[in-house]
Amino acid sequence: MARPSISLKARALRYLSMREHSRIELARKLARYAEEGDDIEALLDTLEAANFQSQSRFAESLVHRRAHRFGNSRIAMELQSHGLDAETLAAAKGELARDEAGRACEVWRKKFSHPPRDAAERAKQMRFLQQRGFSHPAIQAAMRAAERNEDDEDGA
């Protein structure tokens, strides 16, 4: 006996129950299962009207998932790729800007066990943080904090 096919709405609700999705991401996932006569845009409008799908919740969720590993510019690019409106994007960027230097210090601390011993090693550590999307001021703050911590340990 064949299993009954799941409706697009049920499939969308299953996706949204697992984690927040952007409108574009959800439309792309549902398009694979759409049949003749299915209107994905109307379904997405219904889900958004019922507050099952929310761009602002998606932005908060993505920021929360990525903030402990990546810098502001990398997260902002990912948010833009999901087609968020300008207001939601600005709110997410504002939330991120508050603690970028602290997050850069944490990412540096997880990756490197000691401050750079020479210019080449310093450049390598700075490139690592830059590739993670941290701004130059945040990278500088992380490097200064690492050197300060070493000085504190040497003096103790």
N, C-alpha and C. Protein backbone atom coordinates (compact mmCIF):
# COMPACT_ATOMS: atom_id res chain seq x y z
N MET A 1 0.84 -1.17 0.00
CA MET A 1 0.00 0.00 0.00
C MET A 1 0.89 1.24 0.00
N ALA A 2 0.62 2.17 -0.87
CA ALA A 2 1.43 3.38 -0.99
C ALA A 2 1.14 4.34 0.16
N ARG A 3 2.18 4.99 0.61
CA ARG A 3 2.02 5.96 1.68
C ARG A 3 1.39 7.23 1.12
N PRO A 4 0.47 7.82 1.84
CA PRO A 4 -0.13 9.06 1.34
C PRO A 4 0.91 10.17 1.32
N SER A 5 0.84 11.00 0.30
CA SER A 5 1.82 12.08 0.19
C SER A 5 1.45 13.18 1.18
N ILE A 6 2.46 13.83 1.67
CA ILE A 6 2.28 14.89 2.66
C ILE A 6 1.98 16.18 1.90
N SER A 7 1.04 16.95 2.41
CA SER A 7 0.70 18.21 1.76
C SER A 7 1.86 19.20 1.92
N LEU A 8 1.86 20.20 1.06
CA LEU A 8 2.91 21.22 1.14
C LEU A 8 2.86 21.96 2.48
N LYS A 9 1.67 22.23 2.95
CA LYS A 9 1.53 22.95 4.22
C LYS A 9 2.10 22.11 5.36
N ALA A 10 1.79 20.83 5.39
CA ALA A 10 2.31 19.94 6.43
C ALA A 10 3.83 19.86 6.34
N ARG A 11 4.34 19.79 5.14
CA ARG A 11 5.80 19.75 4.94
C ARG A 11 6.44 21.05 5.42
N ALA A 12 5.82 22.18 5.10
CA ALA A 12 6.34 23.48 5.53
C ALA A 12 6.33 23.58 7.06
N LEU A 13 5.26 23.14 7.67
CA LEU A 13 5.17 23.19 9.13
C LEU A 13 6.21 22.27 9.78
N ARG A 14 6.49 21.14 9.15
CA ARG A 14 7.53 20.25 9.67
C ARG A 14 8.89 20.93 9.61
N TYR A 15 9.19 21.57 8.48
CA TYR A 15 10.46 22.31 8.37
C TYR A 15 10.55 23.39 9.43
N LEU A 16 9.47 24.15 9.59
CA LEU A 16 9.48 25.26 10.55
C LEU A 16 9.52 24.78 12.00
N SER A 17 9.05 23.57 12.26
CA SER A 17 9.11 23.05 13.62
C SER A 17 10.53 22.64 14.00
N MET A 18 11.34 22.34 13.00
CA MET A 18 12.73 21.94 13.28
C MET A 18 13.61 23.15 13.57
N ARG A 19 13.44 24.22 12.78
CA ARG A 19 14.18 25.47 12.99
C ARG A 19 13.53 26.55 12.15
N GLU A 20 13.89 27.79 12.41
CA GLU A 20 13.37 28.91 11.63
C GLU A 20 13.97 28.88 10.22
N HIS A 21 13.16 29.21 9.24
CA HIS A 21 13.60 29.29 7.84
C HIS A 21 13.22 30.64 7.28
N SER A 22 14.04 31.15 6.38
CA SER A 22 13.66 32.38 5.68
C SER A 22 12.62 32.01 4.62
N ARG A 23 11.95 33.02 4.13
CA ARG A 23 10.92 32.79 3.11
C ARG A 23 11.54 32.16 1.86
N ILE A 24 12.67 32.67 1.43
CA ILE A 24 13.35 32.15 0.23
C ILE A 24 13.78 30.70 0.43
N GLU A 25 14.34 30.42 1.59
CA GLU A 25 14.81 29.07 1.89
C GLU A 25 13.65 28.07 1.92
N LEU A 26 12.56 28.47 2.54
CA LEU A 26 11.39 27.60 2.62
C LEU A 26 10.77 27.37 1.25
N ALA A 27 10.71 28.42 0.43
CA ALA A 27 10.17 28.28 -0.93
C ALA A 27 11.03 27.32 -1.75
N ARG A 28 12.34 27.42 -1.60
CA ARG A 28 13.25 26.53 -2.34
C ARG A 28 13.05 25.07 -1.92
N LYS A 29 12.88 24.84 -0.63
CA LYS A 29 12.69 23.47 -0.15
C LYS A 29 11.34 22.90 -0.60
N LEU A 30 10.31 23.74 -0.57
CA LEU A 30 8.98 23.26 -0.94
C LEU A 30 8.83 23.07 -2.45
N ALA A 31 9.60 23.81 -3.24
CA ALA A 31 9.48 23.74 -4.70
C ALA A 31 9.74 22.32 -5.22
N ARG A 32 10.56 21.56 -4.52
CA ARG A 32 10.85 20.19 -4.95
C ARG A 32 9.62 19.30 -4.90
N TYR A 33 8.69 19.64 -4.00
CA TYR A 33 7.52 18.78 -3.78
C TYR A 33 6.23 19.36 -4.37
N ALA A 34 6.33 20.53 -4.96
CA ALA A 34 5.14 21.18 -5.51
C ALA A 34 4.64 20.42 -6.74
N GLU A 35 3.35 20.29 -6.82
CA GLU A 35 2.72 19.65 -7.97
C GLU A 35 1.98 20.69 -8.77
N GLU A 36 1.45 20.28 -9.89
CA GLU A 36 0.67 21.17 -10.75
C GLU A 36 -0.47 21.79 -9.94
N GLY A 37 -0.57 23.10 -9.97
CA GLY A 37 -1.64 23.80 -9.28
C GLY A 37 -1.30 24.25 -7.87
N ASP A 38 -0.18 23.82 -7.32
CA ASP A 38 0.22 24.27 -5.98
C ASP A 38 0.78 25.68 -6.07
N ASP A 39 0.34 26.54 -5.18
CA ASP A 39 0.81 27.92 -5.14
C ASP A 39 1.65 28.12 -3.89
N ILE A 40 2.96 28.04 -4.05
CA ILE A 40 3.88 28.14 -2.92
C ILE A 40 3.83 29.53 -2.30
N GLU A 41 3.77 30.55 -3.13
CA GLU A 41 3.73 31.93 -2.61
C GLU A 41 2.51 32.17 -1.73
N ALA A 42 1.36 31.66 -2.14
CA ALA A 42 0.14 31.82 -1.34
C ALA A 42 0.29 31.07 0.00
N LEU A 43 0.88 29.89 -0.04
CA LEU A 43 1.11 29.13 1.18
C LEU A 43 2.05 29.90 2.11
N LEU A 44 3.12 30.46 1.56
CA LEU A 44 4.06 31.22 2.38
C LEU A 44 3.39 32.46 2.96
N ASP A 45 2.53 33.11 2.20
CA ASP A 45 1.78 34.26 2.72
C ASP A 45 0.89 33.84 3.89
N THR A 46 0.25 32.69 3.76
CA THR A 46 -0.61 32.16 4.83
C THR A 46 0.20 31.87 6.09
N LEU A 47 1.35 31.23 5.90
CA LEU A 47 2.20 30.90 7.05
C LEU A 47 2.71 32.16 7.74
N GLU A 48 3.05 33.16 6.94
CA GLU A 48 3.54 34.42 7.50
C GLU A 48 2.41 35.16 8.22
N ALA A 49 1.21 35.15 7.67
CA ALA A 49 0.07 35.81 8.30
C ALA A 49 -0.29 35.14 9.63
N ALA A 50 -0.12 33.83 9.70
CA ALA A 50 -0.40 33.09 10.93
C ALA A 50 0.78 33.12 11.90
N ASN A 51 1.84 33.81 11.51
CA ASN A 51 3.06 33.97 12.30
C ASN A 51 3.78 32.64 12.54
N PHE A 52 3.60 31.69 11.64
CA PHE A 52 4.38 30.46 11.69
C PHE A 52 5.77 30.69 11.11
N GLN A 53 5.85 31.57 10.13
CA GLN A 53 7.12 31.93 9.51
C GLN A 53 7.32 33.43 9.72
N SER A 54 8.50 33.79 10.22
CA SER A 54 8.78 35.19 10.51
C SER A 54 10.22 35.51 10.11
N GLN A 55 10.38 36.57 9.33
CA GLN A 55 11.73 36.97 8.91
C GLN A 55 12.54 37.45 10.11
N SER A 56 11.93 38.17 11.03
CA SER A 56 12.68 38.67 12.18
C SER A 56 13.11 37.53 13.10
N ARG A 57 12.25 36.54 13.31
CA ARG A 57 12.65 35.37 14.11
C ARG A 57 13.75 34.60 13.42
N PHE A 58 13.66 34.49 12.08
CA PHE A 58 14.70 33.81 11.35
C PHE A 58 16.03 34.53 11.54
N ALA A 59 16.04 35.86 11.43
CA ALA A 59 17.27 36.64 11.59
C ALA A 59 17.86 36.44 12.98
N GLU A 60 17.03 36.50 14.00
CA GLU A 60 17.50 36.28 15.38
C GLU A 60 18.10 34.89 15.54
N SER A 61 17.44 33.92 14.97
CA SER A 61 17.90 32.54 15.06
C SER A 61 19.25 32.35 14.37
N LEU A 62 19.37 32.90 13.17
CA LEU A 62 20.63 32.76 12.44
C LEU A 62 21.76 33.48 13.17
N VAL A 63 21.49 34.66 13.68
CA VAL A 63 22.52 35.40 14.44
C VAL A 63 22.93 34.58 15.66
N HIS A 64 21.97 34.02 16.36
CA HIS A 64 22.27 33.23 17.55
C HIS A 64 23.12 32.00 17.20
N ARG A 65 22.81 31.33 16.09
CA ARG A 65 23.55 30.13 15.69
C ARG A 65 24.96 30.44 15.22
N ARG A 66 25.16 31.59 14.58
CA ARG A 66 26.44 31.90 13.96
C ARG A 66 27.36 32.80 14.79
N ALA A 67 26.80 33.55 15.73
CA ALA A 67 27.58 34.59 16.42
C ALA A 67 28.78 34.05 17.18
N HIS A 68 28.72 32.85 17.70
CA HIS A 68 29.85 32.34 18.48
C HIS A 68 31.00 31.86 17.60
N ARG A 69 30.81 31.84 16.27
CA ARG A 69 31.87 31.37 15.37
C ARG A 69 32.30 32.40 14.34
N PHE A 70 31.43 33.35 14.00
CA PHE A 70 31.72 34.25 12.88
C PHE A 70 31.57 35.71 13.27
N GLY A 71 32.19 36.56 12.45
CA GLY A 71 32.13 38.00 12.65
C GLY A 71 30.93 38.62 11.97
N ASN A 72 30.78 39.92 12.21
CA ASN A 72 29.61 40.65 11.71
C ASN A 72 29.47 40.60 10.20
N SER A 73 30.55 40.80 9.47
CA SER A 73 30.42 40.89 8.01
C SER A 73 29.99 39.55 7.41
N ARG A 74 30.49 38.46 7.93
CA ARG A 74 30.11 37.15 7.40
C ARG A 74 28.65 36.83 7.71
N ILE A 75 28.20 37.16 8.90
CA ILE A 75 26.80 36.91 9.27
C ILE A 75 25.88 37.82 8.46
N ALA A 76 26.29 39.08 8.28
CA ALA A 76 25.47 40.03 7.51
C ALA A 76 25.33 39.56 6.06
N MET A 77 26.41 39.04 5.48
CA MET A 77 26.32 38.51 4.11
C MET A 77 25.35 37.34 4.03
N GLU A 78 25.39 36.48 5.03
CA GLU A 78 24.47 35.33 5.03
C GLU A 78 23.02 35.79 5.17
N LEU A 79 22.80 36.79 6.02
CA LEU A 79 21.45 37.33 6.17
C LEU A 79 20.96 37.94 4.87
N GLN A 80 21.83 38.66 4.17
CA GLN A 80 21.45 39.27 2.89
C GLN A 80 21.13 38.20 1.85
N SER A 81 21.85 37.10 1.88
CA SER A 81 21.61 36.05 0.90
C SER A 81 20.23 35.40 1.09
N HIS A 82 19.64 35.57 2.27
CA HIS A 82 18.31 35.02 2.53
C HIS A 82 17.21 36.00 2.19
N GLY A 83 17.56 37.15 1.64
CA GLY A 83 16.57 38.09 1.15
C GLY A 83 15.78 38.82 2.22
N LEU A 84 16.41 39.11 3.34
CA LEU A 84 15.70 39.83 4.40
C LEU A 84 15.49 41.29 4.03
N ASP A 85 14.42 41.87 4.54
CA ASP A 85 14.16 43.29 4.27
C ASP A 85 15.16 44.17 5.03
N ALA A 86 15.25 45.43 4.63
CA ALA A 86 16.26 46.35 5.17
C ALA A 86 16.10 46.56 6.67
N GLU A 87 14.87 46.64 7.13
CA GLU A 87 14.62 46.89 8.55
C GLU A 87 15.10 45.72 9.42
N THR A 88 14.79 44.51 9.02
CA THR A 88 15.21 43.31 9.75
C THR A 88 16.72 43.17 9.72
N LEU A 89 17.31 43.46 8.57
CA LEU A 89 18.77 43.39 8.42
C LEU A 89 19.45 44.40 9.32
N ALA A 90 18.93 45.62 9.38
CA ALA A 90 19.52 46.66 10.22
C ALA A 90 19.42 46.29 11.70
N ALA A 91 18.31 45.71 12.11
CA ALA A 91 18.14 45.30 13.51
C ALA A 91 19.14 44.20 13.87
N ALA A 92 19.34 43.25 12.98
CA ALA A 92 20.28 42.16 13.23
C ALA A 92 21.71 42.69 13.30
N LYS A 93 22.05 43.62 12.40
CA LYS A 93 23.40 44.20 12.41
C LYS A 93 23.63 44.99 13.69
N GLY A 94 22.62 45.70 14.15
CA GLY A 94 22.75 46.44 15.39
C GLY A 94 22.99 45.53 16.59
N GLU A 95 22.30 44.41 16.60
CA GLU A 95 22.49 43.43 17.68
C GLU A 95 23.91 42.84 17.64
N LEU A 96 24.41 42.59 16.45
CA LEU A 96 25.74 42.02 16.30
C LEU A 96 26.85 42.98 16.70
N ALA A 97 26.67 44.25 16.42
CA ALA A 97 27.73 45.24 16.62
C ALA A 97 28.10 45.42 18.08
N ARG A 98 27.21 45.07 18.99
CA ARG A 98 27.46 45.32 20.40
C ARG A 98 28.67 44.58 20.95
N ASP A 99 28.93 43.37 20.52
CA ASP A 99 29.96 42.57 21.18
C ASP A 99 30.91 41.87 20.21
N GLU A 100 31.19 42.48 19.08
CA GLU A 100 32.04 41.80 18.10
C GLU A 100 33.45 41.57 18.64
N ALA A 101 34.02 42.54 19.33
CA ALA A 101 35.38 42.37 19.84
C ALA A 101 35.45 41.22 20.85
N GLY A 102 34.47 41.11 21.70
CA GLY A 102 34.44 40.01 22.67
C GLY A 102 34.32 38.65 21.99
N ARG A 103 33.48 38.60 20.96
CA ARG A 103 33.33 37.33 20.21
C ARG A 103 34.62 36.99 19.48
N ALA A 104 35.32 38.00 18.95
CA ALA A 104 36.60 37.75 18.27
C ALA A 104 37.62 37.19 19.25
N CYS A 105 37.62 37.71 20.47
CA CYS A 105 38.53 37.18 21.50
C CYS A 105 38.22 35.71 21.80
N GLU A 106 36.94 35.39 21.91
CA GLU A 106 36.55 34.01 22.19
C GLU A 106 36.94 33.06 21.06
N VAL A 107 36.70 33.47 19.82
CA VAL A 107 37.06 32.64 18.67
C VAL A 107 38.57 32.46 18.62
N TRP A 108 39.31 33.53 18.89
CA TRP A 108 40.78 33.44 18.89
C TRP A 108 41.22 32.47 19.98
N ARG A 109 40.64 32.58 21.18
CA ARG A 109 41.03 31.75 22.32
C ARG A 109 40.77 30.27 22.04
N LYS A 110 39.68 29.95 21.34
CA LYS A 110 39.37 28.56 21.02
C LYS A 110 40.38 27.97 20.02
N LYS A 111 40.87 28.80 19.12
CA LYS A 111 41.74 28.31 18.05
C LYS A 111 43.21 28.28 18.45
N PHE A 112 43.65 29.33 19.14
CA PHE A 112 45.08 29.47 19.42
C PHE A 112 45.33 29.40 20.93
N SER A 113 46.36 28.69 21.30
CA SER A 113 46.65 28.52 22.73
C SER A 113 47.59 29.59 23.28
N HIS A 114 48.27 30.32 22.39
CA HIS A 114 49.23 31.32 22.86
C HIS A 114 49.24 32.51 21.91
N PRO A 115 49.64 33.67 22.41
CA PRO A 115 49.75 34.85 21.53
C PRO A 115 50.85 34.64 20.49
N PRO A 116 50.82 35.40 19.43
CA PRO A 116 51.82 35.22 18.38
C PRO A 116 53.23 35.53 18.89
N ARG A 117 54.19 34.71 18.45
CA ARG A 117 55.58 34.90 18.86
C ARG A 117 56.33 35.83 17.92
N ASP A 118 55.85 35.91 16.66
CA ASP A 118 56.52 36.78 15.69
C ASP A 118 55.48 37.36 14.73
N ALA A 119 55.96 38.18 13.81
CA ALA A 119 55.05 38.87 12.89
C ALA A 119 54.31 37.90 11.97
N ALA A 120 54.97 36.84 11.54
CA ALA A 120 54.34 35.88 10.64
C ALA A 120 53.19 35.15 11.35
N GLU A 121 53.42 34.77 12.59
CA GLU A 121 52.37 34.09 13.34
C GLU A 121 51.21 35.04 13.66
N ARG A 122 51.54 36.31 13.93
CA ARG A 122 50.50 37.32 14.18
C ARG A 122 49.64 37.49 12.93
N ALA A 123 50.30 37.56 11.77
CA ALA A 123 49.56 37.72 10.51
C ALA A 123 48.65 36.52 10.27
N LYS A 124 49.14 35.32 10.58
CA LYS A 124 48.34 34.10 10.41
C LYS A 124 47.09 34.14 11.30
N GLN A 125 47.26 34.54 12.55
CA GLN A 125 46.15 34.60 13.47
C GLN A 125 45.15 35.69 13.06
N MET A 126 45.66 36.80 12.58
CA MET A 126 44.77 37.88 12.13
C MET A 126 44.01 37.46 10.87
N ARG A 127 44.66 36.75 9.96
CA ARG A 127 43.98 36.25 8.75
C ARG A 127 42.87 35.29 9.11
N PHE A 128 43.12 34.44 10.10
CA PHE A 128 42.10 33.50 10.55
C PHE A 128 40.84 34.26 10.99
N LEU A 129 41.02 35.28 11.81
CA LEU A 129 39.87 36.06 12.29
C LEU A 129 39.22 36.82 11.14
N GLN A 130 40.03 37.30 10.21
CA GLN A 130 39.48 38.03 9.07
C GLN A 130 38.63 37.11 8.20
N GLN A 131 39.08 35.88 7.99
CA GLN A 131 38.31 34.92 7.20
C GLN A 131 37.00 34.54 7.88
N ARG A 132 36.96 34.66 9.18
CA ARG A 132 35.74 34.40 9.92
C ARG A 132 34.78 35.57 9.86
N GLY A 133 35.19 36.69 9.27
CA GLY A 133 34.29 37.82 9.07
C GLY A 133 34.36 38.91 10.12
N PHE A 134 35.39 38.91 10.94
CA PHE A 134 35.52 39.94 11.96
C PHE A 134 36.12 41.21 11.36
N SER A 135 35.71 42.35 11.89
CA SER A 135 36.21 43.63 11.41
C SER A 135 37.63 43.86 11.93
N HIS A 136 38.33 44.79 11.28
CA HIS A 136 39.70 45.08 11.67
C HIS A 136 39.79 45.56 13.13
N PRO A 137 38.93 46.50 13.58
CA PRO A 137 39.00 46.90 15.00
C PRO A 137 38.78 45.73 15.96
N ALA A 138 37.88 44.82 15.64
CA ALA A 138 37.64 43.66 16.50
C ALA A 138 38.85 42.74 16.52
N ILE A 139 39.50 42.57 15.38
CA ILE A 139 40.71 41.73 15.30
C ILE A 139 41.82 42.36 16.14
N GLN A 140 42.00 43.66 15.99
CA GLN A 140 43.02 44.36 16.78
C GLN A 140 42.74 44.21 18.27
N ALA A 141 41.50 44.34 18.67
CA ALA A 141 41.14 44.20 20.08
C ALA A 141 41.43 42.79 20.59
N ALA A 142 41.15 41.79 19.77
CA ALA A 142 41.42 40.40 20.16
C ALA A 142 42.91 40.16 20.31
N MET A 143 43.69 40.70 19.39
CA MET A 143 45.14 40.51 19.46
C MET A 143 45.73 41.23 20.69
N ARG A 144 45.24 42.44 20.97
CA ARG A 144 45.70 43.17 22.16
C ARG A 144 45.32 42.41 23.43
N ALA A 145 44.13 41.88 23.47
CA ALA A 145 43.68 41.12 24.65
C ALA A 145 44.53 39.88 24.84
N ALA A 146 44.88 39.20 23.76
CA ALA A 146 45.73 38.00 23.85
C ALA A 146 47.10 38.36 24.39
N GLU A 147 47.66 39.46 23.90
CA GLU A 147 48.99 39.87 24.37
C GLU A 147 48.94 40.34 25.83
N ARG A 148 47.84 41.01 26.22
CA ARG A 148 47.68 41.45 27.60
C ARG A 148 47.57 40.25 28.54
N ASN A 149 46.84 39.23 28.11
CA ASN A 149 46.69 38.03 28.94
C ASN A 149 48.02 37.33 29.14
N GLU A 150 48.85 37.33 28.11
CA GLU A 150 50.18 36.70 28.24
C GLU A 150 51.04 37.50 29.22
N ASP A 151 50.96 38.83 29.12
CA ASP A 151 51.73 39.67 30.02
C ASP A 151 51.28 39.46 31.46
N ASP A 152 49.96 39.31 31.67
CA ASP A 152 49.43 39.08 33.01
C ASP A 152 49.92 37.74 33.56
N GLU A 153 49.97 36.71 32.72
CA GLU A 153 50.42 35.39 33.15
C GLU A 153 51.92 35.39 33.45
N ASP A 154 52.68 36.15 32.66
CA ASP A 154 54.14 36.23 32.88
C ASP A 154 54.44 36.97 34.18
N GLY A 155 53.65 37.99 34.46
CA GLY A 155 53.89 38.80 35.66
C GLY A 155 53.40 38.13 36.93
N ALA A 156 52.53 37.17 36.83
CA ALA A 156 51.95 36.52 38.02
C ALA A 156 52.86 35.50 38.61
